Protein backbone atom coordinates (compact mmCIF):
# COMPACT_ATOMS: atom_id res chain seq x y z
CA UNK A 1 -46.93 -136.30 -86.66
CA UNK A 2 -49.94 -134.04 -87.23
CA UNK A 3 -50.24 -133.76 -83.43
CA UNK A 4 -46.71 -132.30 -83.23
CA UNK A 5 -47.21 -129.96 -86.18
CA UNK A 6 -50.49 -128.64 -84.76
CA UNK A 7 -49.01 -128.26 -81.28
CA UNK A 8 -46.15 -126.09 -82.50
CA UNK A 9 -42.63 -125.69 -81.16
CA UNK A 10 -43.64 -126.29 -77.52
CA UNK A 11 -44.32 -129.97 -78.18
CA UNK A 12 -40.66 -130.61 -79.04
CA UNK A 13 -38.95 -129.64 -75.74
CA UNK A 14 -41.83 -131.16 -73.75
CA UNK A 15 -41.36 -134.40 -75.71
CA UNK A 16 -37.57 -134.33 -75.38
CA UNK A 17 -37.53 -133.78 -71.62
CA UNK A 18 -40.47 -136.14 -71.14
CA UNK A 19 -38.77 -138.98 -73.00
CA UNK A 20 -35.53 -138.30 -71.11
CA UNK A 21 -37.43 -138.41 -67.83
CA UNK A 22 -39.10 -141.67 -68.85
CA UNK A 23 -35.74 -143.24 -69.81
CA UNK A 24 -34.26 -142.19 -66.47
CA UNK A 25 -37.31 -143.57 -64.64
CA UNK A 26 -36.80 -146.91 -66.41
CA UNK A 27 -33.14 -146.84 -65.39
CA UNK A 28 -34.11 -146.10 -61.80
CA UNK A 29 -36.66 -148.91 -61.79
CA UNK A 30 -33.95 -151.35 -62.93
CA UNK A 31 -30.94 -150.16 -60.90
CA UNK A 32 -32.43 -148.24 -57.96
CA UNK A 33 -29.78 -145.50 -57.82
CA UNK A 34 -31.03 -142.57 -55.74
CA UNK A 35 -29.25 -139.97 -57.85
CA UNK A 36 -31.25 -141.09 -60.89
CA UNK A 37 -34.49 -140.37 -59.06
CA UNK A 38 -33.42 -136.74 -58.61
CA UNK A 39 -32.91 -136.46 -62.38
CA UNK A 40 -36.35 -137.99 -63.01
CA UNK A 41 -37.91 -135.34 -60.77
CA UNK A 42 -35.99 -132.48 -62.38
CA UNK A 43 -36.69 -133.50 -65.96
CA UNK A 44 -40.35 -134.16 -65.12
CA UNK A 45 -40.69 -130.61 -63.82
CA UNK A 46 -38.97 -129.31 -66.98
CA UNK A 47 -41.41 -131.35 -69.08
CA UNK A 48 -44.42 -129.77 -67.39
CA UNK A 49 -42.96 -126.27 -67.57
CA UNK A 50 -42.27 -126.57 -71.30
CA UNK A 51 -45.77 -128.00 -71.77
CA UNK A 52 -47.26 -124.95 -70.07
CA UNK A 53 -44.97 -122.58 -71.99
CA UNK A 54 -45.91 -124.14 -75.33
CA UNK A 55 -49.60 -123.93 -74.46
CA UNK A 56 -49.37 -120.31 -73.34
CA UNK A 57 -47.54 -119.21 -76.50
CA UNK A 58 -50.03 -121.15 -78.64
CA UNK A 59 -52.99 -119.45 -76.97
CA UNK A 60 -51.28 -116.09 -77.44
CA UNK A 61 -50.92 -116.78 -81.16
CA UNK A 62 -54.57 -117.77 -81.47
CA UNK A 63 -55.73 -114.65 -79.59
CA UNK A 64 -53.46 -112.43 -81.71
CA UNK A 65 -54.97 -113.86 -84.89
CA UNK A 66 -58.56 -113.56 -83.71
CA UNK A 67 -58.09 -110.01 -82.43
CA UNK A 68 -56.92 -109.02 -85.93
CA UNK A 69 -59.89 -110.84 -87.52
CA UNK A 70 -62.78 -110.40 -85.08
CA UNK A 71 -65.19 -112.72 -86.94
CA UNK A 72 -62.88 -115.73 -86.60
CA UNK A 73 -64.15 -117.33 -83.37
CA UNK A 74 -63.89 -120.82 -84.86
CA UNK A 75 -60.24 -120.20 -85.69
CA UNK A 76 -59.60 -119.32 -82.06
CA UNK A 77 -61.15 -122.58 -80.89
CA UNK A 78 -59.05 -124.59 -83.34
CA UNK A 79 -55.95 -122.70 -82.19
CA UNK A 80 -56.80 -123.36 -78.57
CA UNK A 81 -57.20 -127.09 -79.27
CA UNK A 82 -53.84 -127.17 -81.04
CA UNK A 83 -52.15 -125.19 -78.27
CA UNK A 84 -53.25 -127.75 -75.71
CA UNK A 85 -51.19 -130.44 -77.49
CA UNK A 86 -48.10 -129.28 -75.56
CA UNK A 87 -49.85 -129.98 -72.28
CA UNK A 88 -51.19 -133.32 -73.50
CA UNK A 89 -47.70 -134.58 -74.34
CA UNK A 90 -46.19 -133.08 -71.16
CA UNK A 91 -48.76 -134.63 -68.83
CA UNK A 92 -48.73 -137.96 -70.69
CA UNK A 93 -44.97 -138.39 -70.47
CA UNK A 94 -44.74 -137.08 -66.90
CA UNK A 95 -47.49 -139.48 -65.85
CA UNK A 96 -45.62 -142.42 -67.37
CA UNK A 97 -42.34 -141.31 -65.78
CA UNK A 98 -44.03 -140.99 -62.39
CA UNK A 99 -45.57 -144.46 -62.66
CA UNK A 100 -42.27 -146.07 -63.64
CA UNK A 101 -40.35 -144.21 -60.90
CA UNK A 102 -42.98 -145.32 -58.38
CA UNK A 103 -42.47 -148.94 -59.45
CA UNK A 104 -38.74 -148.40 -58.99
CA UNK A 105 -39.29 -146.97 -55.52
CA UNK A 106 -41.37 -149.98 -54.59
CA UNK A 107 -38.87 -152.47 -56.01
CA UNK A 108 -35.95 -150.80 -54.23
CA UNK A 109 -37.68 -149.79 -51.02
CA UNK A 110 -35.29 -151.67 -48.71
CA UNK A 111 -32.17 -150.20 -50.32
CA UNK A 112 -33.67 -146.71 -50.24
CA UNK A 113 -34.37 -146.82 -46.51
CA UNK A 114 -30.75 -147.56 -45.59
CA UNK A 115 -28.61 -144.52 -44.71
CA UNK A 116 -26.33 -143.19 -47.42
CA UNK A 117 -22.69 -144.30 -47.21
CA UNK A 118 -20.13 -141.50 -47.00
CA UNK A 119 -17.65 -141.58 -49.87
CA UNK A 120 -14.14 -140.25 -49.68
């Protein structure tokens, strides 16, 4: 919980989209539906983007504080460490989602190489 508090607001959307991506990757690994794989990719990208956004805004906050209090170099370093929490959660969850989706691709490789059936 301290990790989330220190990381700030950016950890929350990165966690939400990362967990959603992981759940979809698990679903893909079990069922092998191609459309699910597209959602895994999209939510994984969103996870990384929110991780970067949270980190950038955290670094901005740390720089803003230090520029107002020039002697606070240690505070900047602590702020930088906390700001990186958004990227840690984003990359952790995206890595897990990618691994699970890769397992799903391997398990369903024959079904995925067949041409798509046209639906009417």
